[in-house]
Amino acid sequence: MEINDELINKLEHLSKLSLSEAEREIMKKDLGNILQMVDKIQEVDTSNVEPLMHVNEDVNVLREDVARNEITNEEALRNAPSSSAPYISVPKVIDIK
């Protein structure tokens, strides 16, 4: 892939950016470096490497679910813009007809 002004213009249009000439040159250099890195990675022989589904063997490592009463109902309701004890009132979001 060639990094030229046409490609930079297309990327600029797609990303809704307006780049200065200096930024365009930086973008060309950066994209060139990225393509060189990808080409270098493609040189690595991975024919005997098994594909990974996960980086490690741990599956669903979760913390213990412990209920803690951090604040009281009164404290929670005090911060609510609208409440009807012991609940917080919110605007209706589903209209079933």
PDB file of N, CA and C in Angstrom:
ATOM      1  N   MET A   1       0.855  -1.171   0.000  1.00  0.00           N
ATOM      2  CA  MET A   1       0.000   0.000   0.000  1.00  0.00           C
ATOM      3  C   MET A   1       0.901   1.233   0.000  1.00  0.00           C
ATOM      4  N   GLU A   2       0.551   2.169  -0.845  1.00  0.00           N
ATOM      5  CA  GLU A   2       1.333   3.392  -0.952  1.00  0.00           C
ATOM      6  C   GLU A   2       0.665   4.496  -0.139  1.00  0.00           C
ATOM      7  N   ILE A   3       1.456   5.161   0.675  1.00  0.00           N
ATOM      8  CA  ILE A   3       0.961   6.286   1.465  1.00  0.00           C
ATOM      9  C   ILE A   3       1.198   7.550   0.639  1.00  0.00           C
ATOM     10  N   ASN A   4       0.135   8.083   0.044  1.00  0.00           N
ATOM     11  CA  ASN A   4       0.270   9.287  -0.775  1.00  0.00           C
ATOM     12  C   ASN A   4      -0.783  10.313  -0.359  1.00  0.00           C
ATOM     13  N   ASP A   5      -0.752  11.467  -1.049  1.00  0.00           N
ATOM     14  CA  ASP A   5      -1.689  12.547  -0.710  1.00  0.00           C
ATOM     15  C   ASP A   5      -3.144  12.128  -0.902  1.00  0.00           C
ATOM     16  N   GLU A   6      -3.394  11.300  -1.898  1.00  0.00           N
ATOM     17  CA  GLU A   6      -4.765  10.838  -2.154  1.00  0.00           C
ATOM     18  C   GLU A   6      -5.298  10.032  -0.974  1.00  0.00           C
ATOM     19  N   LEU A   7      -4.464   9.132  -0.439  1.00  0.00           N
ATOM     20  CA  LEU A   7      -4.867   8.338   0.724  1.00  0.00           C
ATOM     21  C   LEU A   7      -5.087   9.235   1.940  1.00  0.00           C
ATOM     22  N   ILE A   8      -4.182  10.184   2.163  1.00  0.00           N
ATOM     23  CA  ILE A   8      -4.332  11.100   3.300  1.00  0.00           C
ATOM     24  C   ILE A   8      -5.616  11.910   3.155  1.00  0.00           C
ATOM     25  N   ASN A   9      -5.925  12.387   1.939  1.00  0.00           N
ATOM     26  CA  ASN A   9      -7.167  13.127   1.710  1.00  0.00           C
ATOM     27  C   ASN A   9      -8.380  12.266   2.021  1.00  0.00           C
ATOM     28  N   LYS A  10      -8.353  11.009   1.602  1.00  0.00           N
ATOM     29  CA  LYS A  10      -9.471  10.101   1.853  1.00  0.00           C
ATOM     30  C   LYS A  10      -9.653   9.867   3.357  1.00  0.00           C
ATOM     31  N   LEU A  11      -8.534   9.616   4.067  1.00  0.00           N
ATOM     32  CA  LEU A  11      -8.610   9.401   5.516  1.00  0.00           C
ATOM     33  C   LEU A  11      -9.083  10.660   6.236  1.00  0.00           C
ATOM     34  N   GLU A  12      -8.631  11.800   5.745  1.00  0.00           N
ATOM     35  CA  GLU A  12      -9.045  13.076   6.326  1.00  0.00           C
ATOM     36  C   GLU A  12     -10.556  13.262   6.152  1.00  0.00           C
ATOM     37  N   HIS A  13     -11.066  12.931   4.983  1.00  0.00           N
ATOM     38  CA  HIS A  13     -12.506  13.038   4.723  1.00  0.00           C
ATOM     39  C   HIS A  13     -13.299  12.060   5.582  1.00  0.00           C
ATOM     40  N   LEU A  14     -12.846  10.801   5.647  1.00  0.00           N
ATOM     41  CA  LEU A  14     -13.563   9.788   6.419  1.00  0.00           C
ATOM     42  C   LEU A  14     -13.596  10.105   7.911  1.00  0.00           C
ATOM     43  N   SER A  15     -12.504  10.683   8.406  1.00  0.00           N
ATOM     44  CA  SER A  15     -12.432  10.981   9.840  1.00  0.00           C
ATOM     45  C   SER A  15     -12.953  12.365  10.184  1.00  0.00           C
ATOM     46  N   LYS A  16     -13.406  13.107   9.156  1.00  0.00           N
ATOM     47  CA  LYS A  16     -13.952  14.457   9.356  1.00  0.00           C
ATOM     48  C   LYS A  16     -12.941  15.365  10.045  1.00  0.00           C
ATOM     49  N   LEU A  17     -11.655  15.240   9.630  1.00  0.00           N
ATOM     50  CA  LEU A  17     -10.587  16.064  10.175  1.00  0.00           C
ATOM     51  C   LEU A  17     -10.089  17.023   9.111  1.00  0.00           C
ATOM     52  N   SER A  18      -9.521  18.124   9.555  1.00  0.00           N
ATOM     53  CA  SER A  18      -8.837  19.044   8.656  1.00  0.00           C
ATOM     54  C   SER A  18      -7.395  19.140   9.137  1.00  0.00           C
ATOM     55  N   LEU A  19      -6.489  18.606   8.347  1.00  0.00           N
ATOM     56  CA  LEU A  19      -5.082  18.577   8.729  1.00  0.00           C
ATOM     57  C   LEU A  19      -4.320  19.685   8.017  1.00  0.00           C
ATOM     58  N   SER A  20      -3.362  20.260   8.723  1.00  0.00           N
ATOM     59  CA  SER A  20      -2.465  21.219   8.092  1.00  0.00           C
ATOM     60  C   SER A  20      -1.438  20.435   7.276  1.00  0.00           C
ATOM     61  N   GLU A  21      -0.643  21.128   6.472  1.00  0.00           N
ATOM     62  CA  GLU A  21       0.378  20.445   5.670  1.00  0.00           C
ATOM     63  C   GLU A  21       1.387  19.730   6.561  1.00  0.00           C
ATOM     64  N   ALA A  22       1.756  20.364   7.674  1.00  0.00           N
ATOM     65  CA  ALA A  22       2.705  19.737   8.600  1.00  0.00           C
ATOM     66  C   ALA A  22       2.103  18.464   9.191  1.00  0.00           C
ATOM     67  N   GLU A  23       0.816  18.517   9.554  1.00  0.00           N
ATOM     68  CA  GLU A  23       0.150  17.340  10.113  1.00  0.00           C
ATOM     69  C   GLU A  23       0.013  16.234   9.071  1.00  0.00           C
ATOM     70  N   ARG A  24      -0.180  16.622   7.799  1.00  0.00           N
ATOM     71  CA  ARG A  24      -0.271  15.633   6.725  1.00  0.00           C
ATOM     72  C   ARG A  24       1.054  14.874   6.578  1.00  0.00           C
ATOM     73  N   GLU A  25       2.152  15.599   6.661  1.00  0.00           N
ATOM     74  CA  GLU A  25       3.471  14.963   6.547  1.00  0.00           C
ATOM     75  C   GLU A  25       3.728  14.027   7.728  1.00  0.00           C
ATOM     76  N   ILE A  26       3.318  14.464   8.920  1.00  0.00           N
ATOM     77  CA  ILE A  26       3.467  13.610  10.107  1.00  0.00           C
ATOM     78  C   ILE A  26       2.618  12.355   9.942  1.00  0.00           C
ATOM     79  N   MET A  27       1.397  12.518   9.431  1.00  0.00           N
ATOM     80  CA  MET A  27       0.490  11.386   9.215  1.00  0.00           C
ATOM     81  C   MET A  27       1.087  10.407   8.211  1.00  0.00           C
ATOM     82  N   LYS A  28       1.663  10.920   7.123  1.00  0.00           N
ATOM     83  CA  LYS A  28       2.295  10.049   6.123  1.00  0.00           C
ATOM     84  C   LYS A  28       3.423   9.243   6.759  1.00  0.00           C
ATOM     85  N   LYS A  29       4.247   9.921   7.545  1.00  0.00           N
ATOM     86  CA  LYS A  29       5.370   9.244   8.199  1.00  0.00           C
ATOM     87  C   LYS A  29       4.869   8.176   9.176  1.00  0.00           C
ATOM     88  N   ASP A  30       3.878   8.535   9.997  1.00  0.00           N
ATOM     89  CA  ASP A  30       3.347   7.593  10.988  1.00  0.00           C
ATOM     90  C   ASP A  30       2.709   6.373  10.313  1.00  0.00           C
ATOM     91  N   LEU A  31       1.905   6.603   9.269  1.00  0.00           N
ATOM     92  CA  LEU A  31       1.279   5.485   8.565  1.00  0.00           C
ATOM     93  C   LEU A  31       2.329   4.603   7.902  1.00  0.00           C
ATOM     94  N   GLY A  32       3.374   5.209   7.363  1.00  0.00           N
ATOM     95  CA  GLY A  32       4.470   4.433   6.782  1.00  0.00           C
ATOM     96  C   GLY A  32       5.137   3.552   7.825  1.00  0.00           C
ATOM     97  N   ASN A  33       5.359   4.108   9.020  1.00  0.00           N
ATOM     98  CA  ASN A  33       5.968   3.340  10.115  1.00  0.00           C
ATOM     99  C   ASN A  33       5.070   2.176  10.533  1.00  0.00           C
ATOM    100  N   ILE A  34       3.768   2.422  10.570  1.00  0.00           N
ATOM    101  CA  ILE A  34       2.822   1.361  10.942  1.00  0.00           C
ATOM    102  C   ILE A  34       2.866   0.236   9.912  1.00  0.00           C
ATOM    103  N   LEU A  35       2.858   0.586   8.640  1.00  0.00           N
ATOM    104  CA  LEU A  35       2.914  -0.443   7.584  1.00  0.00           C
ATOM    105  C   LEU A  35       4.224  -1.219   7.631  1.00  0.00           C
ATOM    106  N   GLN A  36       5.326  -0.543   7.920  1.00  0.00           N
ATOM    107  CA  GLN A  36       6.609  -1.237   8.055  1.00  0.00           C
ATOM    108  C   GLN A  36       6.560  -2.231   9.209  1.00  0.00           C
ATOM    109  N   MET A  37       5.946  -1.835  10.315  1.00  0.00           N
ATOM    110  CA  MET A  37       5.844  -2.730  11.467  1.00  0.00           C
ATOM    111  C   MET A  37       4.993  -3.949  11.122  1.00  0.00           C
ATOM    112  N   VAL A  38       3.887  -3.747  10.422  1.00  0.00           N
ATOM    113  CA  VAL A  38       3.029  -4.866  10.033  1.00  0.00           C
ATOM    114  C   VAL A  38       3.780  -5.794   9.089  1.00  0.00           C
ATOM    115  N   ASP A  39       4.529  -5.246   8.143  1.00  0.00           N
ATOM    116  CA  ASP A  39       5.331  -6.074   7.242  1.00  0.00           C
ATOM    117  C   ASP A  39       6.350  -6.888   8.020  1.00  0.00           C
ATOM    118  N   LYS A  40       6.964  -6.273   9.027  1.00  0.00           N
ATOM    119  CA  LYS A  40       7.954  -6.975   9.855  1.00  0.00           C
ATOM    120  C   LYS A  40       7.295  -8.124  10.609  1.00  0.00           C
ATOM    121  N   ILE A  41       6.109  -7.891  11.137  1.00  0.00           N
ATOM    122  CA  ILE A  41       5.387  -8.927  11.880  1.00  0.00           C
ATOM    123  C   ILE A  41       5.021 -10.083  10.952  1.00  0.00           C
ATOM    124  N   GLN A  42       4.683  -9.781   9.708  1.00  0.00           N
ATOM    125  CA  GLN A  42       4.293 -10.822   8.763  1.00  0.00           C
ATOM    126  C   GLN A  42       5.463 -11.727   8.379  1.00  0.00           C
ATOM    127  N   GLU A  43       6.693 -11.282   8.650  1.00  0.00           N
ATOM    128  CA  GLU A  43       7.871 -12.104   8.359  1.00  0.00           C
ATOM    129  C   GLU A  43       8.041 -13.255   9.350  1.00  0.00           C
ATOM    130  N   VAL A  44       7.397 -13.173  10.502  1.00  0.00           N
ATOM    131  CA  VAL A  44       7.550 -14.178  11.550  1.00  0.00           C
ATOM    132  C   VAL A  44       6.847 -15.467  11.125  1.00  0.00           C
ATOM    133  N   ASP A  45       7.552 -16.587  11.289  1.00  0.00           N
ATOM    134  CA  ASP A  45       6.979 -17.888  10.951  1.00  0.00           C
ATOM    135  C   ASP A  45       6.067 -18.349  12.091  1.00  0.00           C
ATOM    136  N   THR A  46       4.786 -18.403  11.828  1.00  0.00           N
ATOM    137  CA  THR A  46       3.808 -18.819  12.844  1.00  0.00           C
ATOM    138  C   THR A  46       3.127 -20.128  12.447  1.00  0.00           C
ATOM    139  N   SER A  47       3.739 -20.878  11.561  1.00  0.00           N
ATOM    140  CA  SER A  47       3.093 -22.093  11.065  1.00  0.00           C
ATOM    141  C   SER A  47       2.885 -23.144  12.154  1.00  0.00           C
ATOM    142  N   ASN A  48       3.751 -23.188  13.174  1.00  0.00           N
ATOM    143  CA  ASN A  48       3.613 -24.190  14.240  1.00  0.00           C
ATOM    144  C   ASN A  48       3.034 -23.605  15.522  1.00  0.00           C
ATOM    145  N   VAL A  49       2.394 -22.451  15.430  1.00  0.00           N
ATOM    146  CA  VAL A  49       1.836 -21.796  16.613  1.00  0.00           C
ATOM    147  C   VAL A  49       0.327 -21.995  16.624  1.00  0.00           C
ATOM    148  N   GLU A  50      -0.172 -22.529  17.737  1.00  0.00           N
ATOM    149  CA  GLU A  50      -1.612 -22.735  17.895  1.00  0.00           C
ATOM    150  C   GLU A  50      -2.298 -21.385  18.127  1.00  0.00           C
ATOM    151  N   PRO A  51      -3.424 -21.149  17.486  1.00  0.00           N
ATOM    152  CA  PRO A  51      -4.146 -19.894  17.747  1.00  0.00           C
ATOM    153  C   PRO A  51      -4.691 -19.864  19.166  1.00  0.00           C
ATOM    154  N   LEU A  52      -4.704 -18.690  19.752  1.00  0.00           N
ATOM    155  CA  LEU A  52      -5.188 -18.527  21.126  1.00  0.00           C
ATOM    156  C   LEU A  52      -6.614 -18.004  21.139  1.00  0.00           C
ATOM    157  N   MET A  53      -7.402 -18.536  22.035  1.00  0.00           N
ATOM    158  CA  MET A  53      -8.721 -17.974  22.278  1.00  0.00           C
ATOM    159  C   MET A  53      -8.630 -16.926  23.386  1.00  0.00           C
ATOM    160  N   HIS A  54      -7.733 -17.185  24.359  1.00  0.00           N
ATOM    161  CA  HIS A  54      -7.532 -16.273  25.482  1.00  0.00           C
ATOM    162  C   HIS A  54      -6.035 -16.185  25.743  1.00  0.00           C
ATOM    163  N   VAL A  55      -5.616 -15.082  26.298  1.00  0.00           N
ATOM    164  CA  VAL A  55      -4.199 -14.872  26.567  1.00  0.00           C
ATOM    165  C   VAL A  55      -3.708 -15.782  27.690  1.00  0.00           C
ATOM    166  N   ASN A  56      -4.559 -16.050  28.658  1.00  0.00           N
ATOM    167  CA  ASN A  56      -4.160 -16.917  29.760  1.00  0.00           C
ATOM    168  C   ASN A  56      -5.220 -17.987  29.988  1.00  0.00           C
ATOM    169  N   GLU A  57      -4.965 -18.863  30.918  1.00  0.00           N
ATOM    170  CA  GLU A  57      -5.856 -19.991  31.180  1.00  0.00           C
ATOM    171  C   GLU A  57      -7.009 -19.634  32.123  1.00  0.00           C
ATOM    172  N   ASP A  58      -6.930 -18.469  32.776  1.00  0.00           N
ATOM    173  CA  ASP A  58      -7.975 -18.080  33.723  1.00  0.00           C
ATOM    174  C   ASP A  58      -9.273 -17.789  32.986  1.00  0.00           C
ATOM    175  N   VAL A  59     -10.364 -18.314  33.510  1.00  0.00           N
ATOM    176  CA  VAL A  59     -11.667 -18.079  32.907  1.00  0.00           C
ATOM    177  C   VAL A  59     -12.606 -17.561  33.981  1.00  0.00           C
ATOM    178  N   ASN A  60     -13.217 -16.419  33.707  1.00  0.00           N
ATOM    179  CA  ASN A  60     -14.193 -15.822  34.607  1.00  0.00           C
ATOM    180  C   ASN A  60     -13.705 -15.747  36.053  1.00  0.00           C
ATOM    181  N   VAL A  61     -12.582 -15.098  36.234  1.00  0.00           N
ATOM    182  CA  VAL A  61     -12.071 -14.880  37.579  1.00  0.00           C
ATOM    183  C   VAL A  61     -12.826 -13.683  38.148  1.00  0.00           C
ATOM    184  N   LEU A  62     -13.668 -13.959  39.122  1.00  0.00           N
ATOM    185  CA  LEU A  62     -14.510 -12.919  39.689  1.00  0.00           C
ATOM    186  C   LEU A  62     -14.215 -12.759  41.171  1.00  0.00           C
ATOM    187  N   ARG A  63     -14.456 -11.554  41.642  1.00  0.00           N
ATOM    188  CA  ARG A  63     -14.295 -11.334  43.079  1.00  0.00           C
ATOM    189  C   ARG A  63     -15.519 -11.884  43.798  1.00  0.00           C
ATOM    190  N   GLU A  64     -15.381 -12.106  45.053  1.00  0.00           N
ATOM    191  CA  GLU A  64     -16.494 -12.579  45.869  1.00  0.00           C
ATOM    192  C   GLU A  64     -17.559 -11.488  45.932  1.00  0.00           C
ATOM    193  N   ASP A  65     -18.796 -11.865  45.738  1.00  0.00           N
ATOM    194  CA  ASP A  65     -19.894 -10.907  45.781  1.00  0.00           C
ATOM    195  C   ASP A  65     -20.369 -10.781  47.219  1.00  0.00           C
ATOM    196  N   VAL A  66     -19.981  -9.683  47.846  1.00  0.00           N
ATOM    197  CA  VAL A  66     -20.322  -9.463  49.246  1.00  0.00           C
ATOM    198  C   VAL A  66     -21.176  -8.213  49.330  1.00  0.00           C
ATOM    199  N   ALA A  67     -22.367  -8.341  49.898  1.00  0.00           N
ATOM    200  CA  ALA A  67     -23.249  -7.189  50.062  1.00  0.00           C
ATOM    201  C   ALA A  67     -22.742  -6.324  51.210  1.00  0.00           C
ATOM    202  N   ARG A  68     -22.640  -5.035  50.933  1.00  0.00           N
ATOM    203  CA  ARG A  68     -22.216  -4.093  51.980  1.00  0.00           C
ATOM    204  C   ARG A  68     -23.179  -2.916  51.966  1.00  0.00           C
ATOM    205  N   ASN A  69     -23.632  -2.514  53.104  1.00  0.00           N
ATOM    206  CA  ASN A  69     -24.501  -1.344  53.209  1.00  0.00           C
ATOM    207  C   ASN A  69     -23.627  -0.117  53.388  1.00  0.00           C
ATOM    208  N   GLU A  70     -23.274   0.489  52.263  1.00  0.00           N
ATOM    209  CA  GLU A  70     -22.387   1.648  52.291  1.00  0.00           C
ATOM    210  C   GLU A  70     -23.134   2.904  52.739  1.00  0.00           C
ATOM    211  N   ILE A  71     -24.374   3.079  52.227  1.00  0.00           N
ATOM    212  CA  ILE A  71     -25.167   4.233  52.633  1.00  0.00           C
ATOM    213  C   ILE A  71     -26.578   3.751  52.985  1.00  0.00           C
ATOM    214  N   THR A  72     -27.237   4.544  53.763  1.00  0.00           N
ATOM    215  CA  THR A  72     -28.600   4.181  54.153  1.00  0.00           C
ATOM    216  C   THR A  72     -29.574   4.621  53.062  1.00  0.00           C
ATOM    217  N   ASN A  73     -30.810   4.105  53.128  1.00  0.00           N
ATOM    218  CA  ASN A  73     -31.845   4.522  52.179  1.00  0.00           C
ATOM    219  C   ASN A  73     -32.078   6.028  52.257  1.00  0.00           C
ATOM    220  N   GLU A  74     -32.088   6.563  53.457  1.00  0.00           N
ATOM    221  CA  GLU A  74     -32.312   7.996  53.637  1.00  0.00           C
ATOM    222  C   GLU A  74     -31.220   8.808  52.959  1.00  0.00           C
ATOM    223  N   GLU A  75     -29.970   8.361  53.087  1.00  0.00           N
ATOM    224  CA  GLU A  75     -28.864   9.077  52.442  1.00  0.00           C
ATOM    225  C   GLU A  75     -28.982   9.016  50.919  1.00  0.00           C
ATOM    226  N   ALA A  76     -29.388   7.877  50.386  1.00  0.00           N
ATOM    227  CA  ALA A  76     -29.550   7.733  48.941  1.00  0.00           C
ATOM    228  C   ALA A  76     -30.691   8.605  48.444  1.00  0.00           C
ATOM    229  N   LEU A  77     -31.799   8.620  49.167  1.00  0.00           N
ATOM    230  CA  LEU A  77     -32.950   9.424  48.760  1.00  0.00           C
ATOM    231  C   LEU A  77     -32.667  10.923  48.873  1.00  0.00           C
ATOM    232  N   ARG A  78     -31.792  11.290  49.781  1.00  0.00           N
ATOM    233  CA  ARG A  78     -31.441  12.695  49.958  1.00  0.00           C
ATOM    234  C   ARG A  78     -30.748  13.244  48.695  1.00  0.00           C
ATOM    235  N   ASN A  79     -30.022  12.395  47.961  1.00  0.00           N
ATOM    236  CA  ASN A  79     -29.315  12.811  46.753  1.00  0.00           C
ATOM    237  C   ASN A  79     -30.173  12.713  45.495  1.00  0.00           C
ATOM    238  N   ALA A  80     -31.303  12.070  45.579  1.00  0.00           N
ATOM    239  CA  ALA A  80     -32.163  11.874  44.407  1.00  0.00           C
ATOM    240  C   ALA A  80     -32.923  13.155  44.094  1.00  0.00           C
ATOM    241  N   PRO A  81     -33.063  13.503  42.815  1.00  0.00           N
ATOM    242  CA  PRO A  81     -33.827  14.708  42.473  1.00  0.00           C
ATOM    243  C   PRO A  81     -35.308  14.576  42.819  1.00  0.00           C
ATOM    244  N   SER A  82     -35.820  13.337  42.762  1.00  0.00           N
ATOM    245  CA  SER A  82     -37.223  13.114  43.086  1.00  0.00           C
ATOM    246  C   SER A  82     -37.341  11.729  43.716  1.00  0.00           C
ATOM    247  N   SER A  83     -38.162  11.634  44.755  1.00  0.00           N
ATOM    248  CA  SER A  83     -38.310  10.332  45.402  1.00  0.00           C
ATOM    249  C   SER A  83     -39.706  10.175  45.959  1.00  0.00           C
ATOM    250  N   SER A  84     -40.071   8.912  46.107  1.00  0.00           N
ATOM    251  CA  SER A  84     -41.309   8.527  46.767  1.00  0.00           C
ATOM    252  C   SER A  84     -40.909   7.397  47.699  1.00  0.00           C
ATOM    253  N   ALA A  85     -40.695   7.733  48.952  1.00  0.00           N
ATOM    254  CA  ALA A  85     -40.075   6.826  49.907  1.00  0.00           C
ATOM    255  C   ALA A  85     -40.659   5.429  49.820  1.00  0.00           C
ATOM    256  N   PRO A  86     -39.901   4.394  49.821  1.00  0.00           N
ATOM    257  CA  PRO A  86     -38.447   4.333  49.900  1.00  0.00           C
ATOM    258  C   PRO A  86     -37.769   4.196  48.531  1.00  0.00           C
ATOM    259  N   TYR A  87     -38.352   4.779  47.457  1.00  0.00           N
ATOM    260  CA  TYR A  87     -37.838   4.593  46.105  1.00  0.00           C
ATOM    261  C   TYR A  87     -37.434   5.930  45.485  1.00  0.00           C
ATOM    262  N   ILE A  88     -36.542   5.854  44.515  1.00  0.00           N
ATOM    263  CA  ILE A  88     -36.177   7.015  43.714  1.00  0.00           C
ATOM    264  C   ILE A  88     -37.147   7.080  42.546  1.00  0.00           C
ATOM    265  N   SER A  89     -37.746   8.235  42.306  1.00  0.00           N
ATOM    266  CA  SER A  89     -38.695   8.415  41.199  1.00  0.00           C
ATOM    267  C   SER A  89     -37.929   8.839  39.948  1.00  0.00           C
ATOM    268  N   VAL A  90     -38.250   8.184  38.827  1.00  0.00           N
ATOM    269  CA  VAL A  90     -37.619   8.509  37.551  1.00  0.00           C
ATOM    270  C   VAL A  90     -38.712   8.705  36.512  1.00  0.00           C
ATOM    271  N   PRO A  91     -38.399   9.432  35.410  1.00  0.00           N
ATOM    272  CA  PRO A  91     -39.411   9.598  34.372  1.00  0.00           C
ATOM    273  C   PRO A  91     -39.736   8.264  33.716  1.00  0.00           C
ATOM    274  N   LYS A  92     -40.956   8.133  33.255  1.00  0.00           N
ATOM    275  CA  LYS A  92     -41.418   6.933  32.576  1.00  0.00           C
ATOM    276  C   LYS A  92     -40.666   6.815  31.244  1.00  0.00           C
ATOM    277  N   VAL A  93     -40.075   5.642  30.967  1.00  0.00           N
ATOM    278  CA  VAL A  93     -39.311   5.464  29.737  1.00  0.00           C
ATOM    279  C   VAL A  93     -39.964   4.473  28.780  1.00  0.00           C
ATOM    280  N   ILE A  94     -40.916   3.697  29.240  1.00  0.00           N
ATOM    281  CA  ILE A  94     -41.607   2.732  28.388  1.00  0.00           C
ATOM    282  C   ILE A  94     -43.095   3.037  28.469  1.00  0.00           C
ATOM    283  N   ASP A  95     -43.696   3.185  27.300  1.00  0.00           N
ATOM    284  CA  ASP A  95     -45.128   3.459  27.247  1.00  0.00           C
ATOM    285  C   ASP A  95     -45.808   2.253  26.618  1.00  0.00           C
ATOM    286  N   ILE A  96     -46.504   1.469  27.412  1.00  0.00           N
ATOM    287  CA  ILE A  96     -47.203   0.285  26.923  1.00  0.00           C
ATOM    288  C   ILE A  96     -48.652   0.655  26.694  1.00  0.00           C
ATOM    289  N   LYS A  97     -49.122   0.434  25.474  1.00  0.00           N
ATOM    290  CA  LYS A  97     -50.501   0.784  25.147  1.00  0.00           C
ATOM    291  C   LYS A  97     -51.343  -0.437  24.963  1.00  0.00           C
TER     292      LYS A  97
END
